Amino acid sequence: NEISVDKDAVIETLSKGFFTRYSNDSADKLV
């Protein structure tokens, strides 16, 4: 199968437990 990697797909994946905030000061910076 295939998936189109659009912005929604990326944002949803970034919300998973693979990633965390770099600091509490910003929700935009993830590691």
All heavy atoms as atom14 arrays in JSON, in Angstrom:
{
  "sequence": "NEISVDKDAVIETLSKGFFTRYSNDSADKLV",
  "atom14_mask": [
    [1, 1, 1, 1, 1, 1, 1, 1, 0, 0, 0, 0, 0, 0],
    [1, 1, 1, 1, 1, 1, 1, 1, 1, 0, 0, 0, 0, 0],
    [1, 1, 1, 1, 1, 1, 1, 1, 0, 0, 0, 0, 0, 0],
    [1, 1, 1, 1, 1, 1, 0, 0, 0, 0, 0, 0, 0, 0],
    [1, 1, 1, 1, 1, 1, 1, 0, 0, 0, 0, 0, 0, 0],
    [1, 1, 1, 1, 1, 1, 1, 1, 0, 0, 0, 0, 0, 0],
    [1, 1, 1, 1, 1, 1, 1, 1, 1, 0, 0, 0, 0, 0],
    [1, 1, 1, 1, 1, 1, 1, 1, 0, 0, 0, 0, 0, 0],
    [1, 1, 1, 1, 1, 0, 0, 0, 0, 0, 0, 0, 0, 0],
    [1, 1, 1, 1, 1, 1, 1, 0, 0, 0, 0, 0, 0, 0],
    [1, 1, 1, 1, 1, 1, 1, 1, 0, 0, 0, 0, 0, 0],
    [1, 1, 1, 1, 1, 1, 1, 1, 1, 0, 0, 0, 0, 0],
    [1, 1, 1, 1, 1, 1, 1, 0, 0, 0, 0, 0, 0, 0],
    [1, 1, 1, 1, 1, 1, 1, 1, 0, 0, 0, 0, 0, 0],
    [1, 1, 1, 1, 1, 1, 0, 0, 0, 0, 0, 0, 0, 0],
    [1, 1, 1, 1, 1, 1, 1, 1, 1, 0, 0, 0, 0, 0],
    [1, 1, 1, 1, 0, 0, 0, 0, 0, 0, 0, 0, 0, 0],
    [1, 1, 1, 1, 1, 1, 1, 1, 1, 1, 1, 0, 0, 0],
    [1, 1, 1, 1, 1, 1, 1, 1, 1, 1, 1, 0, 0, 0],
    [1, 1, 1, 1, 1, 1, 1, 0, 0, 0, 0, 0, 0, 0],
    [1, 1, 1, 1, 1, 1, 1, 1, 1, 1, 1, 0, 0, 0],
    [1, 1, 1, 1, 1, 1, 1, 1, 1, 1, 1, 1, 0, 0],
    [1, 1, 1, 1, 1, 1, 0, 0, 0, 0, 0, 0, 0, 0],
    [1, 1, 1, 1, 1, 1, 1, 1, 0, 0, 0, 0, 0, 0],
    [1, 1, 1, 1, 1, 1, 1, 1, 0, 0, 0, 0, 0, 0],
    [1, 1, 1, 1, 1, 1, 0, 0, 0, 0, 0, 0, 0, 0],
    [1, 1, 1, 1, 1, 0, 0, 0, 0, 0, 0, 0, 0, 0],
    [1, 1, 1, 1, 1, 1, 1, 1, 0, 0, 0, 0, 0, 0],
    [1, 1, 1, 1, 1, 1, 1, 1, 1, 0, 0, 0, 0, 0],
    [1, 1, 1, 1, 1, 1, 1, 1, 0, 0, 0, 0, 0, 0],
    [1, 1, 1, 1, 1, 1, 1, 0, 0, 0, 0, 0, 0, 0]
  ],
  "atom14_positions": [
    [[0.85, -1.19, 0.0], [0.0, 0.0, 0.0], [0.88, 1.24, 0.0], [2.09, 1.15, 0.19], [-0.91, 0.01, 1.24], [-1.91, -1.11, 1.24], [-3.02, -0.98, 0.76], [-1.52, -2.26, 1.8], [0.0, 0.0, 0.0], [0.0, 0.0, 0.0], [0.0, 0.0, 0.0], [0.0, 0.0, 0.0], [0.0, 0.0, 0.0], [0.0, 0.0, 0.0]],
    [[0.27, 2.39, -0.19], [1.02, 3.63, -0.13], [0.23, 4.69, 0.62], [-0.99, 4.63, 0.72], [1.37, 4.13, -1.53], [0.17, 4.53, -2.38], [0.6, 5.01, -3.76], [1.37, 4.31, -4.43], [0.15, 6.12, -4.15], [0.0, 0.0, 0.0], [0.0, 0.0, 0.0], [0.0, 0.0, 0.0], [0.0, 0.0, 0.0], [0.0, 0.0, 0.0]],
    [[0.96, 5.65, 1.15], [0.35, 6.77, 1.84], [0.95, 8.06, 1.29], [2.16, 8.15, 1.08], [0.54, 6.7, 3.37], [-0.03, 7.97, 4.03], [2.01, 6.5, 3.75], [0.0, 7.96, 5.54], [0.0, 0.0, 0.0], [0.0, 0.0, 0.0], [0.0, 0.0, 0.0], [0.0, 0.0, 0.0], [0.0, 0.0, 0.0], [0.0, 0.0, 0.0]],
    [[0.11, 9.02, 1.04], [0.57, 10.34, 0.64], [1.03, 11.08, 1.89], [0.26, 11.26, 2.84], [-0.56, 11.11, -0.05], [-0.15, 12.43, -0.35], [0.0, 0.0, 0.0], [0.0, 0.0, 0.0], [0.0, 0.0, 0.0], [0.0, 0.0, 0.0], [0.0, 0.0, 0.0], [0.0, 0.0, 0.0], [0.0, 0.0, 0.0], [0.0, 0.0, 0.0]],
    [[2.28, 11.49, 1.91], [2.84, 12.12, 3.1], [2.55, 13.62, 3.04], [3.36, 14.43, 2.59], [4.35, 11.85, 3.22], [4.89, 12.42, 4.54], [4.63, 10.36, 3.14], [0.0, 0.0, 0.0], [0.0, 0.0, 0.0], [0.0, 0.0, 0.0], [0.0, 0.0, 0.0], [0.0, 0.0, 0.0], [0.0, 0.0, 0.0], [0.0, 0.0, 0.0]],
    [[1.35, 13.97, 3.5], [0.97, 15.37, 3.53], [1.21, 15.94, 4.92], [1.7, 15.25, 5.83], [-0.49, 15.55, 3.11], [-1.46, 14.74, 3.98], [-1.09, 14.33, 5.1], [-2.6, 14.49, 3.53], [0.0, 0.0, 0.0], [0.0, 0.0, 0.0], [0.0, 0.0, 0.0], [0.0, 0.0, 0.0], [0.0, 0.0, 0.0], [0.0, 0.0, 0.0]],
    [[0.87, 17.2, 5.12], [1.15, 17.86, 6.38], [0.38, 17.22, 7.53], [0.93, 17.05, 8.63], [0.8, 19.35, 6.29], [1.2, 20.14, 7.53], [1.01, 21.63, 7.32], [1.47, 22.42, 8.54], [1.33, 23.88, 8.33], [0.0, 0.0, 0.0], [0.0, 0.0, 0.0], [0.0, 0.0, 0.0], [0.0, 0.0, 0.0], [0.0, 0.0, 0.0]],
    [[-0.86, 16.82, 7.3], [-1.65, 16.19, 8.36], [-1.01, 14.89, 8.83], [-0.97, 14.59, 10.03], [-3.08, 15.91, 7.87], [-3.92, 17.18, 7.78], [-3.48, 18.21, 8.32], [-4.99, 17.12, 7.16], [0.0, 0.0, 0.0], [0.0, 0.0, 0.0], [0.0, 0.0, 0.0], [0.0, 0.0, 0.0], [0.0, 0.0, 0.0], [0.0, 0.0, 0.0]],
    [[-0.49, 14.1, 7.87], [0.15, 12.83, 8.23], [1.39, 13.06, 9.07], [1.65, 12.33, 10.05], [0.49, 12.04, 6.97], [0.0, 0.0, 0.0], [0.0, 0.0, 0.0], [0.0, 0.0, 0.0], [0.0, 0.0, 0.0], [0.0, 0.0, 0.0], [0.0, 0.0, 0.0], [0.0, 0.0, 0.0], [0.0, 0.0, 0.0], [0.0, 0.0, 0.0]],
    [[2.16, 14.07, 8.71], [3.38, 14.38, 9.47], [3.04, 14.88, 10.87], [3.62, 14.43, 11.87], [4.24, 15.41, 8.71], [5.38, 15.92, 9.6], [4.81, 14.8, 7.44], [0.0, 0.0, 0.0], [0.0, 0.0, 0.0], [0.0, 0.0, 0.0], [0.0, 0.0, 0.0], [0.0, 0.0, 0.0], [0.0, 0.0, 0.0], [0.0, 0.0, 0.0]],
    [[2.09, 15.8, 10.96], [1.72, 16.36, 12.26], [1.17, 15.28, 13.18], [1.49, 15.22, 14.38], [0.68, 17.5, 12.09], [1.32, 18.7, 11.39], [0.12, 17.92, 13.45], [2.46, 19.35, 12.17], [0.0, 0.0, 0.0], [0.0, 0.0, 0.0], [0.0, 0.0, 0.0], [0.0, 0.0, 0.0], [0.0, 0.0, 0.0], [0.0, 0.0, 0.0]],
    [[0.35, 14.39, 12.63], [-0.19, 13.31, 13.46], [0.92, 12.4, 13.96], [0.94, 11.99, 15.12], [-1.22, 12.49, 12.68], [-1.85, 11.39, 13.52], [-2.96, 10.65, 12.79], [-3.59, 11.25, 11.9], [-3.19, 9.47, 13.12], [0.0, 0.0, 0.0], [0.0, 0.0, 0.0], [0.0, 0.0, 0.0], [0.0, 0.0, 0.0], [0.0, 0.0, 0.0]],
    [[1.86, 12.07, 13.1], [2.98, 11.21, 13.51], [3.84, 11.89, 14.57], [4.3, 11.24, 15.52], [3.84, 10.84, 12.28], [3.01, 10.19, 11.31], [4.97, 9.9, 12.67], [0.0, 0.0, 0.0], [0.0, 0.0, 0.0], [0.0, 0.0, 0.0], [0.0, 0.0, 0.0], [0.0, 0.0, 0.0], [0.0, 0.0, 0.0], [0.0, 0.0, 0.0]],
    [[4.03, 13.18, 14.42], [4.82, 13.92, 15.41], [4.14, 13.98, 16.78], [4.78, 14.28, 17.79], [5.1, 15.34, 14.91], [6.05, 15.47, 13.72], [6.12, 16.92, 13.25], [7.43, 14.95, 14.05], [0.0, 0.0, 0.0], [0.0, 0.0, 0.0], [0.0, 0.0, 0.0], [0.0, 0.0, 0.0], [0.0, 0.0, 0.0], [0.0, 0.0, 0.0]],
    [[2.85, 13.68, 16.82], [2.13, 13.69, 18.1], [2.29, 12.38, 18.87], [1.85, 12.28, 20.01], [0.64, 13.96, 17.85], [0.0, 12.8, 17.3], [0.0, 0.0, 0.0], [0.0, 0.0, 0.0], [0.0, 0.0, 0.0], [0.0, 0.0, 0.0], [0.0, 0.0, 0.0], [0.0, 0.0, 0.0], [0.0, 0.0, 0.0], [0.0, 0.0, 0.0]],
    [[2.92, 11.39, 18.26], [3.07, 10.09, 18.9], [4.24, 10.09, 19.88], [5.01, 11.04, 19.96], [3.3, 9.01, 17.83], [2.17, 8.9, 16.8], [0.88, 8.43, 17.43], [-0.21, 8.22, 16.38], [-1.48, 7.72, 16.95], [0.0, 0.0, 0.0], [0.0, 0.0, 0.0], [0.0, 0.0, 0.0], [0.0, 0.0, 0.0], [0.0, 0.0, 0.0]],
    [[4.37, 8.97, 20.59], [5.38, 8.87, 21.64], [6.82, 8.81, 21.17], [7.73, 8.75, 22.0], [0.0, 0.0, 0.0], [0.0, 0.0, 0.0], [0.0, 0.0, 0.0], [0.0, 0.0, 0.0], [0.0, 0.0, 0.0], [0.0, 0.0, 0.0], [0.0, 0.0, 0.0], [0.0, 0.0, 0.0], [0.0, 0.0, 0.0], [0.0, 0.0, 0.0]],
    [[7.06, 8.81, 19.86], [8.42, 8.89, 19.36], [9.08, 10.22, 19.72], [10.31, 10.3, 19.81], [8.45, 8.77, 17.82], [7.92, 7.49, 17.28], [6.72, 7.46, 16.57], [8.62, 6.3, 17.46], [6.24, 6.27, 16.04], [8.14, 5.11, 16.94], [6.94, 5.1, 16.23], [0.0, 0.0, 0.0], [0.0, 0.0, 0.0], [0.0, 0.0, 0.0]],
    [[8.24, 11.24, 19.89], [8.76, 12.59, 20.01], [8.31, 13.23, 21.32], [7.28, 12.88, 21.89], [8.27, 13.45, 18.83], [8.6, 12.86, 17.49], [7.66, 12.11, 16.78], [9.86, 13.03, 16.94], [7.97, 11.54, 15.56], [10.18, 12.47, 15.71], [9.24, 11.72, 15.02], [0.0, 0.0, 0.0], [0.0, 0.0, 0.0], [0.0, 0.0, 0.0]],
    [[9.12, 14.19, 21.76], [8.8, 14.93, 22.97], [9.26, 16.38, 22.8], [10.09, 16.68, 21.93], [9.5, 14.3, 24.2], [9.05, 14.94, 25.4], [11.03, 14.44, 24.1], [0.0, 0.0, 0.0], [0.0, 0.0, 0.0], [0.0, 0.0, 0.0], [0.0, 0.0, 0.0], [0.0, 0.0, 0.0], [0.0, 0.0, 0.0], [0.0, 0.0, 0.0]],
    [[8.72, 17.24, 23.61], [9.15, 18.65, 23.56], [10.62, 18.77, 23.96], [11.07, 18.13, 24.9], [8.31, 19.51, 24.5], [6.87, 19.7, 24.06], [6.19, 20.67, 25.0], [4.78, 20.87, 24.67], [3.98, 21.72, 25.29], [4.47, 22.46, 26.28], [2.72, 21.84, 24.92], [0.0, 0.0, 0.0], [0.0, 0.0, 0.0], [0.0, 0.0, 0.0]],
    [[11.33, 19.62, 23.24], [12.72, 19.89, 23.6], [12.8, 20.59, 24.94], [13.7, 20.35, 25.73], [13.38, 20.73, 22.51], [14.84, 21.04, 22.76], [15.82, 20.09, 22.47], [15.23, 22.27, 23.29], [17.16, 20.36, 22.7], [16.57, 22.55, 23.52], [17.52, 21.59, 23.23], [18.84, 21.86, 23.47], [0.0, 0.0, 0.0], [0.0, 0.0, 0.0]],
    [[11.84, 21.46, 25.18], [11.74, 22.15, 26.46], [10.29, 22.53, 26.7], [9.46, 22.48, 25.79], [12.63, 23.41, 26.48], [12.12, 24.39, 25.59], [0.0, 0.0, 0.0], [0.0, 0.0, 0.0], [0.0, 0.0, 0.0], [0.0, 0.0, 0.0], [0.0, 0.0, 0.0], [0.0, 0.0, 0.0], [0.0, 0.0, 0.0], [0.0, 0.0, 0.0]],
    [[9.97, 22.91, 27.91], [8.6, 23.31, 28.24], [8.26, 24.69, 27.7], [7.1, 25.1, 27.75], [8.4, 23.29, 29.75], [8.45, 21.88, 30.32], [8.05, 20.93, 29.65], [8.94, 21.75, 31.53], [0.0, 0.0, 0.0], [0.0, 0.0, 0.0], [0.0, 0.0, 0.0], [0.0, 0.0, 0.0], [0.0, 0.0, 0.0], [0.0, 0.0, 0.0]],
    [[9.27, 25.38, 27.19], [9.04, 26.74, 26.73], [8.33, 26.8, 25.38], [7.71, 27.81, 25.05], [10.38, 27.5, 26.62], [11.07, 27.63, 27.96], [10.37, 27.61, 28.98], [12.32, 27.74, 27.98], [0.0, 0.0, 0.0], [0.0, 0.0, 0.0], [0.0, 0.0, 0.0], [0.0, 0.0, 0.0], [0.0, 0.0, 0.0], [0.0, 0.0, 0.0]],
    [[8.46, 25.73, 24.59], [7.88, 25.76, 23.25], [7.32, 24.4, 22.87], [8.0, 23.37, 23.03], [8.95, 26.18, 22.22], [8.45, 26.07, 20.91], [0.0, 0.0, 0.0], [0.0, 0.0, 0.0], [0.0, 0.0, 0.0], [0.0, 0.0, 0.0], [0.0, 0.0, 0.0], [0.0, 0.0, 0.0], [0.0, 0.0, 0.0], [0.0, 0.0, 0.0]],
    [[6.1, 24.4, 22.36], [5.48, 23.16, 21.88], [5.85, 22.89, 20.44], [5.52, 21.83, 19.89], [3.96, 23.25, 22.02], [0.0, 0.0, 0.0], [0.0, 0.0, 0.0], [0.0, 0.0, 0.0], [0.0, 0.0, 0.0], [0.0, 0.0, 0.0], [0.0, 0.0, 0.0], [0.0, 0.0, 0.0], [0.0, 0.0, 0.0], [0.0, 0.0, 0.0]],
    [[6.55, 23.82, 19.8], [6.89, 23.69, 18.38], [8.21, 22.97, 18.15], [8.47, 22.49, 17.04], [6.96, 25.08, 17.73], [5.6, 25.73, 17.63], [4.6, 25.0, 17.49], [5.53, 26.97, 17.68], [0.0, 0.0, 0.0], [0.0, 0.0, 0.0], [0.0, 0.0, 0.0], [0.0, 0.0, 0.0], [0.0, 0.0, 0.0], [0.0, 0.0, 0.0]],
    [[9.06, 22.89, 19.17], [10.39, 22.3, 19.02], [10.4, 20.89, 19.61], [10.27, 20.71, 20.82], [11.43, 23.18, 19.71], [12.87, 22.77, 19.45], [13.83, 23.76, 20.11], [15.28, 23.39, 19.85], [16.21, 24.33, 20.51], [0.0, 0.0, 0.0], [0.0, 0.0, 0.0], [0.0, 0.0, 0.0], [0.0, 0.0, 0.0], [0.0, 0.0, 0.0]],
    [[10.54, 19.89, 18.75], [10.48, 18.5, 19.19], [11.81, 17.79, 18.96], [12.57, 18.15, 18.06], [9.39, 17.75, 18.41], [7.97, 18.29, 18.47], [7.06, 17.46, 17.57], [7.45, 18.3, 19.9], [0.0, 0.0, 0.0], [0.0, 0.0, 0.0], [0.0, 0.0, 0.0], [0.0, 0.0, 0.0], [0.0, 0.0, 0.0], [0.0, 0.0, 0.0]],
    [[12.07, 16.79, 19.79], [13.21, 15.9, 19.6], [12.71, 14.47, 19.79], [11.59, 14.23, 20.27], [14.34, 16.19, 20.6], [14.98, 17.54, 20.32], [13.85, 16.13, 22.04], [0.0, 0.0, 0.0], [0.0, 0.0, 0.0], [0.0, 0.0, 0.0], [0.0, 0.0, 0.0], [0.0, 0.0, 0.0], [0.0, 0.0, 0.0], [0.0, 0.0, 0.0]]
  ]
}
